[in-house]
């Protein structure tokens, strides 16, 4: 499908840059580096059910031991590094589209979650973080009586 939309890559890059600027504006990176050279941002999906918040991040080519996930308040951070497989000194690249280097995402969660019961799995390049909502965040249906 993406081959049918030739400008999709540009739109994705623009979206990632806008998210990066938004995160900086709201200071979701208290320990940010002075330079962002070599930094990239994985694509994420954030969904919510009645009982949990689910974050899925595309991080192919990275080992699970090289991924760090933290929760501070209602901000989830995902960071790590994708290393080059190898570099040939006599190799001349004609195109380099894959991102290498450190990555970082800070996501403000839509609901309060129970930090003690978070589960994270990493399979086929996708990190899935399942976070049960707190009872307060899960909400309660209020019945209305006719009067």
N, C-alpha and C. Protein backbone atom coordinates (compact mmCIF):
# COMPACT_ATOMS: atom_id res chain seq x y z
N UNK A 1 0.82 -1.19 0.00
CA UNK A 1 0.00 0.00 0.00
C UNK A 1 0.86 1.25 0.00
N UNK A 2 1.98 1.24 0.74
CA UNK A 2 2.81 2.44 0.81
C UNK A 2 3.42 2.79 -0.54
N UNK A 3 3.62 1.79 -1.43
CA UNK A 3 4.16 2.09 -2.74
C UNK A 3 3.16 2.84 -3.60
N UNK A 4 1.89 2.76 -3.26
CA UNK A 4 0.86 3.48 -4.01
C UNK A 4 0.78 4.94 -3.57
N UNK A 5 1.41 5.27 -2.47
CA UNK A 5 1.39 6.64 -1.96
C UNK A 5 2.84 7.13 -1.94
N UNK A 6 3.31 7.73 -3.05
CA UNK A 6 4.73 8.07 -3.15
C UNK A 6 5.22 9.08 -2.13
N UNK A 7 4.38 9.92 -1.61
CA UNK A 7 4.78 10.95 -0.66
C UNK A 7 4.66 10.52 0.79
N UNK A 8 4.29 9.27 1.04
CA UNK A 8 4.07 8.82 2.42
C UNK A 8 5.32 8.94 3.29
N UNK A 9 6.47 8.60 2.74
CA UNK A 9 7.71 8.69 3.51
C UNK A 9 7.98 10.10 3.99
N UNK A 10 7.73 11.08 3.13
CA UNK A 10 7.92 12.48 3.51
C UNK A 10 6.94 12.89 4.61
N UNK A 11 5.70 12.44 4.49
CA UNK A 11 4.69 12.76 5.50
C UNK A 11 5.07 12.13 6.84
N UNK A 12 5.56 10.89 6.81
CA UNK A 12 5.99 10.22 8.05
C UNK A 12 7.15 10.97 8.70
N UNK A 13 8.10 11.41 7.89
CA UNK A 13 9.24 12.16 8.45
C UNK A 13 8.77 13.48 9.06
N UNK A 14 7.83 14.16 8.38
CA UNK A 14 7.30 15.42 8.90
C UNK A 14 6.56 15.18 10.22
N UNK A 15 5.75 14.10 10.28
CA UNK A 15 5.02 13.77 11.50
C UNK A 15 5.99 13.49 12.65
N UNK A 16 7.03 12.73 12.37
CA UNK A 16 8.02 12.42 13.41
C UNK A 16 8.71 13.68 13.91
N UNK A 17 9.04 14.58 12.99
CA UNK A 17 9.70 15.83 13.40
C UNK A 17 8.76 16.69 14.23
N UNK A 18 7.48 16.75 13.85
CA UNK A 18 6.50 17.53 14.61
C UNK A 18 6.34 16.94 16.02
N UNK A 19 6.30 15.61 16.13
CA UNK A 19 6.21 14.97 17.44
C UNK A 19 7.45 15.27 18.28
N UNK A 20 8.59 15.26 17.64
CA UNK A 20 9.85 15.56 18.35
C UNK A 20 9.80 16.99 18.90
N UNK A 21 9.36 17.94 18.08
CA UNK A 21 9.26 19.33 18.53
C UNK A 21 8.23 19.48 19.65
N UNK A 22 7.11 18.78 19.53
CA UNK A 22 6.07 18.82 20.56
C UNK A 22 6.62 18.29 21.88
N UNK A 23 7.31 17.16 21.82
CA UNK A 23 7.89 16.57 23.03
C UNK A 23 8.86 17.54 23.70
N UNK A 24 9.67 18.22 22.91
CA UNK A 24 10.63 19.16 23.48
C UNK A 24 9.92 20.37 24.09
N UNK A 25 8.88 20.84 23.42
CA UNK A 25 8.15 22.00 23.91
C UNK A 25 7.56 21.72 25.29
N UNK A 26 7.05 20.52 25.47
CA UNK A 26 6.45 20.16 26.75
C UNK A 26 7.44 19.47 27.69
N UNK A 27 8.73 19.55 27.35
CA UNK A 27 9.82 19.09 28.21
C UNK A 27 9.65 17.64 28.65
N UNK A 28 9.36 16.76 27.69
CA UNK A 28 9.27 15.34 28.01
C UNK A 28 10.64 14.68 27.95
N UNK A 29 11.68 15.45 27.71
CA UNK A 29 13.03 14.91 27.65
C UNK A 29 13.94 15.68 28.61
N UNK A 30 13.86 15.41 29.89
CA UNK A 30 14.68 16.18 30.83
C UNK A 30 16.18 15.97 30.65
N UNK A 31 16.61 14.86 30.08
CA UNK A 31 18.04 14.58 29.92
C UNK A 31 18.45 14.58 28.46
N UNK A 32 17.79 15.38 27.63
CA UNK A 32 18.09 15.36 26.20
C UNK A 32 19.53 15.81 25.94
N UNK A 33 20.06 15.27 24.87
CA UNK A 33 21.42 15.63 24.48
C UNK A 33 21.39 16.97 23.74
N UNK A 34 22.52 17.60 23.61
CA UNK A 34 22.59 18.88 22.90
C UNK A 34 22.50 18.68 21.40
N UNK A 35 22.83 17.50 20.92
CA UNK A 35 22.74 17.23 19.49
C UNK A 35 21.85 16.03 19.26
N UNK A 36 21.15 16.06 18.15
CA UNK A 36 20.28 14.93 17.81
C UNK A 36 20.83 14.15 16.63
N UNK A 37 22.08 14.36 16.30
CA UNK A 37 22.66 13.67 15.17
C UNK A 37 22.62 12.17 15.42
N UNK A 38 22.13 11.42 14.46
CA UNK A 38 22.05 9.98 14.58
C UNK A 38 20.87 9.49 15.37
N UNK A 39 19.96 10.37 15.74
CA UNK A 39 18.81 9.96 16.54
C UNK A 39 17.60 9.74 15.63
N UNK A 40 16.78 8.77 15.96
CA UNK A 40 15.56 8.50 15.19
C UNK A 40 14.44 8.17 16.14
N UNK A 41 13.21 8.18 15.63
CA UNK A 41 12.04 7.93 16.48
C UNK A 41 11.24 6.76 15.91
N UNK A 42 11.05 5.70 16.70
CA UNK A 42 10.24 4.59 16.21
C UNK A 42 8.76 4.98 16.11
N UNK A 43 8.06 4.38 15.16
CA UNK A 43 6.62 4.60 15.03
C UNK A 43 5.91 3.86 16.15
N UNK A 44 4.87 4.48 16.70
CA UNK A 44 4.13 3.87 17.80
C UNK A 44 2.63 3.94 17.55
N UNK A 45 1.92 3.00 18.14
CA UNK A 45 0.46 3.02 18.21
C UNK A 45 0.11 3.04 19.70
N UNK A 46 -0.83 3.88 20.08
CA UNK A 46 -1.32 3.92 21.46
C UNK A 46 -2.82 3.66 21.39
N UNK A 47 -3.26 2.59 22.07
CA UNK A 47 -4.69 2.27 22.08
C UNK A 47 -5.13 2.08 23.53
N UNK A 48 -6.45 2.03 23.69
CA UNK A 48 -7.00 1.96 25.03
C UNK A 48 -8.26 1.11 25.01
N UNK A 49 -8.39 0.26 26.02
CA UNK A 49 -9.62 -0.50 26.23
C UNK A 49 -10.21 -0.02 27.56
N UNK A 50 -11.27 -0.64 27.98
CA UNK A 50 -11.87 -0.26 29.26
C UNK A 50 -10.93 -0.54 30.43
N UNK A 51 -10.02 -1.53 30.27
CA UNK A 51 -9.18 -1.95 31.39
C UNK A 51 -7.70 -1.65 31.24
N UNK A 52 -7.22 -1.31 30.03
CA UNK A 52 -5.79 -1.13 29.86
C UNK A 52 -5.44 -0.15 28.74
N UNK A 53 -4.19 0.32 28.80
CA UNK A 53 -3.60 1.14 27.75
C UNK A 53 -2.53 0.27 27.10
N UNK A 54 -2.49 0.27 25.77
CA UNK A 54 -1.54 -0.57 25.04
C UNK A 54 -0.71 0.31 24.12
N UNK A 55 0.61 0.16 24.20
CA UNK A 55 1.52 0.88 23.31
C UNK A 55 2.30 -0.17 22.53
N UNK A 56 2.30 -0.02 21.21
CA UNK A 56 3.09 -0.89 20.33
C UNK A 56 4.07 0.00 19.58
N UNK A 57 5.35 -0.38 19.58
CA UNK A 57 6.39 0.41 18.92
C UNK A 57 7.16 -0.48 17.95
N UNK A 58 7.36 0.02 16.73
CA UNK A 58 8.16 -0.70 15.73
C UNK A 58 9.63 -0.39 15.97
N UNK A 59 10.37 -1.43 16.40
CA UNK A 59 11.80 -1.25 16.68
C UNK A 59 12.56 -2.44 16.11
N UNK A 60 12.49 -2.67 14.80
CA UNK A 60 13.19 -3.82 14.23
C UNK A 60 14.70 -3.64 14.26
N UNK A 61 15.40 -4.76 14.34
CA UNK A 61 16.85 -4.71 14.30
C UNK A 61 17.51 -4.34 15.61
N UNK A 62 16.74 -4.35 16.69
CA UNK A 62 17.28 -4.02 18.01
C UNK A 62 17.01 -5.20 18.93
N UNK A 63 17.98 -5.56 19.74
CA UNK A 63 17.77 -6.63 20.70
C UNK A 63 17.02 -6.09 21.92
N UNK A 64 16.19 -6.93 22.52
CA UNK A 64 15.38 -6.47 23.65
C UNK A 64 16.23 -5.93 24.79
N UNK A 65 17.44 -6.46 24.97
CA UNK A 65 18.31 -5.98 26.05
C UNK A 65 18.80 -4.55 25.80
N UNK A 66 18.67 -4.07 24.56
CA UNK A 66 19.10 -2.72 24.22
C UNK A 66 17.96 -1.71 24.24
N UNK A 67 16.79 -2.12 24.76
CA UNK A 67 15.63 -1.23 24.84
C UNK A 67 15.35 -0.95 26.31
N UNK A 68 15.12 0.30 26.63
CA UNK A 68 14.83 0.72 28.00
C UNK A 68 13.45 1.37 28.03
N UNK A 69 12.55 0.86 28.87
CA UNK A 69 11.20 1.39 29.00
C UNK A 69 11.01 1.86 30.43
N UNK A 70 10.51 3.10 30.60
CA UNK A 70 10.29 3.66 31.93
C UNK A 70 8.95 4.39 31.98
N UNK A 71 8.38 4.45 33.17
CA UNK A 71 7.15 5.18 33.40
C UNK A 71 7.41 6.19 34.51
N UNK A 72 7.16 7.47 34.24
CA UNK A 72 7.27 8.54 35.23
C UNK A 72 5.94 9.27 35.22
N UNK A 73 5.15 9.12 36.26
CA UNK A 73 3.81 9.73 36.25
C UNK A 73 2.97 9.09 35.17
N UNK A 74 2.47 9.88 34.23
CA UNK A 74 1.72 9.29 33.12
C UNK A 74 2.48 9.45 31.81
N UNK A 75 3.82 9.54 31.88
CA UNK A 75 4.65 9.63 30.69
C UNK A 75 5.48 8.35 30.57
N UNK A 76 5.29 7.65 29.46
CA UNK A 76 6.03 6.43 29.16
C UNK A 76 7.18 6.79 28.24
N UNK A 77 8.41 6.38 28.58
CA UNK A 77 9.55 6.63 27.70
C UNK A 77 10.10 5.30 27.20
N UNK A 78 10.46 5.32 25.93
CA UNK A 78 11.08 4.17 25.27
C UNK A 78 12.36 4.69 24.63
N UNK A 79 13.49 4.09 24.99
CA UNK A 79 14.74 4.54 24.39
C UNK A 79 15.69 3.37 24.20
N UNK A 80 16.67 3.57 23.36
CA UNK A 80 17.65 2.54 23.09
C UNK A 80 18.53 2.94 21.93
N UNK A 81 19.13 1.94 21.30
CA UNK A 81 20.02 2.22 20.18
C UNK A 81 19.99 1.07 19.18
N UNK A 82 19.94 1.44 17.91
CA UNK A 82 20.08 0.46 16.83
C UNK A 82 21.48 0.64 16.26
N UNK A 83 22.28 -0.43 16.34
CA UNK A 83 23.66 -0.36 15.87
C UNK A 83 23.76 -0.88 14.44
N UNK A 84 24.71 -0.33 13.69
CA UNK A 84 24.97 -0.84 12.34
C UNK A 84 25.47 -2.27 12.45
N UNK A 85 25.05 -3.10 11.50
CA UNK A 85 25.47 -4.50 11.52
C UNK A 85 26.97 -4.60 11.34
N UNK A 86 27.49 -3.94 10.32
CA UNK A 86 28.93 -3.87 10.09
C UNK A 86 29.18 -2.78 9.05
N UNK A 87 30.39 -2.31 9.00
CA UNK A 87 30.74 -1.28 8.03
C UNK A 87 31.95 -1.74 7.25
N UNK A 88 31.82 -1.75 5.95
CA UNK A 88 32.94 -2.11 5.08
C UNK A 88 33.65 -0.82 4.68
N UNK A 89 34.95 -0.78 4.85
CA UNK A 89 35.69 0.43 4.52
C UNK A 89 35.70 0.71 3.03
N UNK A 90 35.65 -0.33 2.20
CA UNK A 90 35.68 -0.14 0.75
C UNK A 90 34.28 -0.07 0.15
N UNK A 91 33.28 -0.01 0.98
CA UNK A 91 31.90 -0.03 0.50
C UNK A 91 31.40 1.40 0.27
N UNK A 92 30.89 1.67 -0.93
CA UNK A 92 30.32 2.98 -1.26
C UNK A 92 28.81 2.86 -1.31
N UNK A 93 28.12 3.56 -0.43
CA UNK A 93 26.67 3.50 -0.39
C UNK A 93 26.08 4.44 -1.44
N UNK A 94 25.04 3.97 -2.11
CA UNK A 94 24.30 4.80 -3.06
C UNK A 94 23.02 5.32 -2.42
N UNK A 95 22.56 4.63 -1.41
CA UNK A 95 21.35 5.05 -0.70
C UNK A 95 21.41 4.47 0.71
N UNK A 96 21.10 5.30 1.70
CA UNK A 96 21.01 4.84 3.08
C UNK A 96 19.68 5.37 3.62
N UNK A 97 18.71 4.49 3.79
CA UNK A 97 17.38 4.88 4.26
C UNK A 97 17.07 4.36 5.65
N UNK A 98 17.79 3.33 6.08
CA UNK A 98 17.54 2.80 7.41
C UNK A 98 18.16 3.71 8.46
N UNK A 99 17.49 3.83 9.57
CA UNK A 99 17.97 4.70 10.65
C UNK A 99 18.80 3.90 11.64
N UNK A 100 19.91 4.50 12.05
CA UNK A 100 20.78 3.90 13.06
C UNK A 100 21.04 4.94 14.13
N UNK A 101 21.53 4.48 15.24
CA UNK A 101 21.84 5.38 16.33
C UNK A 101 20.80 5.25 17.43
N UNK A 102 20.80 6.23 18.31
CA UNK A 102 19.89 6.16 19.45
C UNK A 102 18.48 6.56 19.04
N UNK A 103 17.51 6.05 19.78
CA UNK A 103 16.12 6.44 19.56
C UNK A 103 15.49 6.77 20.90
N UNK A 104 14.43 7.56 20.84
CA UNK A 104 13.77 8.01 22.06
C UNK A 104 12.35 8.41 21.73
N UNK A 105 11.41 7.95 22.54
CA UNK A 105 10.02 8.40 22.45
C UNK A 105 9.52 8.64 23.86
N UNK A 106 8.80 9.73 24.05
CA UNK A 106 8.14 10.03 25.32
C UNK A 106 6.67 10.21 24.99
N UNK A 107 5.83 9.39 25.61
CA UNK A 107 4.40 9.39 25.29
C UNK A 107 3.59 9.70 26.53
N UNK A 108 2.78 10.73 26.44
CA UNK A 108 1.85 11.04 27.53
C UNK A 108 0.68 10.08 27.38
N UNK A 109 0.43 9.26 28.40
CA UNK A 109 -0.62 8.25 28.33
C UNK A 109 -2.00 8.87 28.51
N UNK A 110 -3.02 8.29 27.86
CA UNK A 110 -4.37 8.86 27.93
C UNK A 110 -5.07 8.61 29.26
N UNK A 111 -4.57 7.68 30.07
CA UNK A 111 -5.18 7.34 31.36
C UNK A 111 -4.10 6.97 32.36
N UNK A 112 -4.45 7.01 33.65
CA UNK A 112 -3.52 6.57 34.68
C UNK A 112 -3.41 5.05 34.64
N UNK A 113 -2.18 4.54 34.80
CA UNK A 113 -1.96 3.10 34.75
C UNK A 113 -1.28 2.63 36.03
N UNK A 114 -1.39 1.32 36.28
CA UNK A 114 -0.77 0.70 37.45
C UNK A 114 0.65 0.29 37.07
N UNK A 115 1.63 1.07 37.50
CA UNK A 115 3.02 0.83 37.14
C UNK A 115 3.57 -0.50 37.61
N UNK A 116 2.97 -1.09 38.64
CA UNK A 116 3.46 -2.37 39.17
C UNK A 116 3.01 -3.57 38.34
N UNK A 117 2.05 -3.38 37.46
CA UNK A 117 1.52 -4.52 36.69
C UNK A 117 1.73 -4.38 35.18
N UNK A 118 2.66 -3.53 34.78
CA UNK A 118 2.95 -3.34 33.35
C UNK A 118 3.69 -4.56 32.82
N UNK A 119 3.31 -4.98 31.61
CA UNK A 119 3.98 -6.10 30.95
C UNK A 119 4.47 -5.62 29.58
N UNK A 120 5.71 -6.00 29.24
CA UNK A 120 6.28 -5.64 27.95
C UNK A 120 6.81 -6.89 27.27
N UNK A 121 6.48 -7.04 25.98
CA UNK A 121 6.99 -8.16 25.18
C UNK A 121 7.60 -7.58 23.91
N UNK A 122 8.58 -8.30 23.37
CA UNK A 122 9.25 -7.87 22.14
C UNK A 122 9.30 -9.07 21.21
N UNK A 123 8.62 -8.96 20.09
CA UNK A 123 8.54 -10.08 19.15
C UNK A 123 8.51 -9.55 17.72
N UNK A 124 9.37 -10.11 16.88
CA UNK A 124 9.45 -9.76 15.46
C UNK A 124 9.58 -8.26 15.24
N UNK A 125 10.39 -7.61 16.07
CA UNK A 125 10.67 -6.19 15.90
C UNK A 125 9.62 -5.24 16.45
N UNK A 126 8.61 -5.78 17.14
CA UNK A 126 7.56 -4.93 17.70
C UNK A 126 7.57 -5.07 19.22
N UNK A 127 7.70 -3.93 19.90
CA UNK A 127 7.63 -3.88 21.35
C UNK A 127 6.18 -3.59 21.72
N UNK A 128 5.57 -4.45 22.54
CA UNK A 128 4.19 -4.26 22.97
C UNK A 128 4.18 -4.10 24.48
N UNK A 129 3.64 -2.97 24.94
CA UNK A 129 3.59 -2.66 26.36
C UNK A 129 2.12 -2.59 26.76
N UNK A 130 1.72 -3.48 27.68
CA UNK A 130 0.33 -3.53 28.14
C UNK A 130 0.30 -3.02 29.58
N UNK A 131 -0.51 -1.98 29.80
CA UNK A 131 -0.54 -1.31 31.10
C UNK A 131 -1.95 -1.29 31.65
N UNK A 132 -2.23 -2.06 32.70
CA UNK A 132 -3.57 -2.02 33.31
C UNK A 132 -3.86 -0.64 33.87
N UNK A 133 -5.07 -0.17 33.66
CA UNK A 133 -5.47 1.13 34.21
C UNK A 133 -5.68 1.00 35.71
N UNK A 134 -5.50 2.10 36.40
CA UNK A 134 -5.83 2.11 37.83
C UNK A 134 -7.35 2.12 37.94
N UNK A 135 -7.86 1.72 39.08
CA UNK A 135 -9.32 1.70 39.26
C UNK A 135 -9.90 3.08 39.03
N UNK A 136 -9.18 4.09 39.48
CA UNK A 136 -9.63 5.47 39.29
C UNK A 136 -9.75 5.79 37.80
N UNK A 137 -8.76 5.37 37.00
CA UNK A 137 -8.76 5.67 35.57
C UNK A 137 -9.75 4.80 34.80
N UNK A 138 -10.05 3.62 35.32
CA UNK A 138 -10.96 2.72 34.60
C UNK A 138 -12.36 3.30 34.51
N UNK A 139 -12.70 4.16 35.44
CA UNK A 139 -14.00 4.82 35.41
C UNK A 139 -15.13 3.93 35.90
N UNK A 140 -16.29 4.51 35.99
CA UNK A 140 -17.46 3.78 36.47
C UNK A 140 -18.68 4.32 35.74
N UNK A 141 -19.52 3.42 35.27
CA UNK A 141 -20.74 3.83 34.60
C UNK A 141 -21.74 4.30 35.65
N UNK A 142 -22.33 5.43 35.40
CA UNK A 142 -23.31 6.01 36.31
C UNK A 142 -24.70 5.81 35.71
N UNK A 143 -25.53 5.12 36.43
CA UNK A 143 -26.91 4.89 35.98
C UNK A 143 -27.74 6.14 36.25
N UNK A 144 -28.59 6.46 35.31
CA UNK A 144 -29.47 7.63 35.45
C UNK A 144 -30.88 7.12 35.69
N UNK A 145 -31.48 7.62 36.73
CA UNK A 145 -32.86 7.22 37.02
C UNK A 145 -33.81 8.33 36.58
N UNK A 146 -34.93 7.91 36.04
CA UNK A 146 -35.93 8.88 35.60
C UNK A 146 -36.61 9.47 36.83
N UNK A 147 -36.89 10.74 36.78
CA UNK A 147 -37.45 11.32 37.98
C UNK A 147 -38.55 12.21 37.76
